[in-house]
C-alpha atoms as a PDB file:
ATOM      1  CA  MET A   1       0.019  -0.036  -0.009  1.00  0.00           C
ATOM      2  CA  ALA A   2       1.068   3.537  -0.624  1.00  0.00           C
ATOM      3  CA  ALA A   3      -0.345   7.037  -0.276  1.00  0.00           C
ATOM      4  CA  VAL A   4      -1.952   8.531  -3.326  1.00  0.00           C
ATOM      5  CA  VAL A   5      -2.404  12.292  -3.818  1.00  0.00           C
ATOM      6  CA  ASP A   6      -5.447  13.881  -5.523  1.00  0.00           C
ATOM      7  CA  LYS A   7      -3.528  16.651  -7.313  1.00  0.00           C
ATOM      8  CA  ASP A   8      -6.763  18.537  -7.980  1.00  0.00           C
ATOM      9  CA  ALA A   9      -7.553  18.642  -4.239  1.00  0.00           C
ATOM     10  CA  CYS A  10      -4.002  19.155  -2.909  1.00  0.00           C
ATOM     11  CA  VAL A  11      -3.339  22.766  -1.746  1.00  0.00           C
ATOM     12  CA  GLY A  12       0.383  22.304  -1.255  1.00  0.00           C
ATOM     13  CA  CYS A  13       0.462  23.166   2.351  1.00  0.00           C
ATOM     14  CA  GLY A  14       3.117  20.596   3.328  1.00  0.00           C
ATOM     15  CA  ALA A  15       1.253  19.130   6.351  1.00  0.00           C
ATOM     16  CA  CYS A  16       1.570  15.697   4.926  1.00  0.00           C
ATOM     17  CA  ALA A  17       5.347  15.919   4.374  1.00  0.00           C
ATOM     18  CA  GLY A  18       5.753  17.148   7.984  1.00  0.00           C
ATOM     19  CA  SER A  19       3.807  14.181   9.290  1.00  0.00           C
ATOM     20  CA  CYS A  20       5.557  11.451   7.166  1.00  0.00           C
ATOM     21  CA  PRO A  21       7.823   9.317   9.343  1.00  0.00           C
ATOM     22  CA  CYS A  22       9.370   7.772   6.173  1.00  0.00           C
ATOM     23  CA  ASP A  23      10.262  11.077   4.529  1.00  0.00           C
ATOM     24  CA  ALA A  24       8.432   9.857   1.424  1.00  0.00           C
ATOM     25  CA  ILE A  25       6.707  13.148   0.510  1.00  0.00           C
ATOM     26  CA  THR A  26       7.966  16.234  -1.198  1.00  0.00           C
ATOM     27  CA  VAL A  27       5.903  19.332  -1.944  1.00  0.00           C
ATOM     28  CA  ASP A  28       6.420  21.761  -4.742  1.00  0.00           C
ATOM     29  CA  ASP A  29       3.018  23.015  -6.019  1.00  0.00           C
ATOM     30  CA  VAL A  30       1.404  19.737  -4.933  1.00  0.00           C
ATOM     31  CA  ALA A  31       2.430  16.794  -2.823  1.00  0.00           C
ATOM     32  CA  VAL A  32       4.332  13.997  -4.501  1.00  0.00           C
ATOM     33  CA  VAL A  33       4.774  10.592  -2.760  1.00  0.00           C
ATOM     34  CA  ASP A  34       7.737   8.323  -3.424  1.00  0.00           C
ATOM     35  CA  ALA A  35       6.015   4.979  -3.356  1.00  0.00           C
ATOM     36  CA  GLU A  36       9.245   3.123  -2.800  1.00  0.00           C
ATOM     37  CA  LYS A  37       9.688   4.982   0.600  1.00  0.00           C
ATOM     38  CA  CYS A  38       6.085   5.041   1.625  1.00  0.00           C
ATOM     39  CA  ALA A  39       5.056   2.516   4.327  1.00  0.00           C
ATOM     40  CA  GLY A  40       1.355   3.044   3.868  1.00  0.00           C
ATOM     41  CA  CYS A  41       0.909   4.139   7.498  1.00  0.00           C
ATOM     42  CA  GLY A  42      -1.703   6.893   6.711  1.00  0.00           C
ATOM     43  CA  ALA A  43      -0.145   9.578   8.828  1.00  0.00           C
ATOM     44  CA  CYS A  44      -0.161  11.900   5.768  1.00  0.00           C
ATOM     45  CA  ALA A  45      -3.833  11.273   5.070  1.00  0.00           C
ATOM     46  CA  ASP A  46      -4.761  12.054   8.689  1.00  0.00           C
ATOM     47  CA  ALA A  47      -2.642  15.250   8.472  1.00  0.00           C
ATOM     48  CA  CYS A  48      -4.086  16.574   5.204  1.00  0.00           C
ATOM     49  CA  PRO A  49      -6.566  19.366   5.849  1.00  0.00           C
ATOM     50  CA  ALA A  50      -7.855  19.136   2.267  1.00  0.00           C
ATOM     51  CA  GLY A  51      -8.564  15.407   2.312  1.00  0.00           C
ATOM     52  CA  ALA A  52      -6.395  15.022  -0.769  1.00  0.00           C
ATOM     53  CA  ILE A  53      -4.508  11.864   0.305  1.00  0.00           C
ATOM     54  CA  THR A  54      -5.718   8.288   0.391  1.00  0.00           C
ATOM     55  CA  VAL A  55      -3.838   5.073   1.087  1.00  0.00           C
ATOM     56  CA  GLU A  56      -4.400   2.447  -1.491  1.00  0.00           C
END
């Protein structure tokens, strides 16, 4: 499992990157998840104020 970002819903705030214990998320205009680093824990989805991240 890995986190997936809805790029249309992402506001680029960086809350997800700050919450990721695996350092798997970078943010430029929108969040991007490195699936190889992602543990699928869901911390980013819980932290996202826009509800733009799901774990699949």
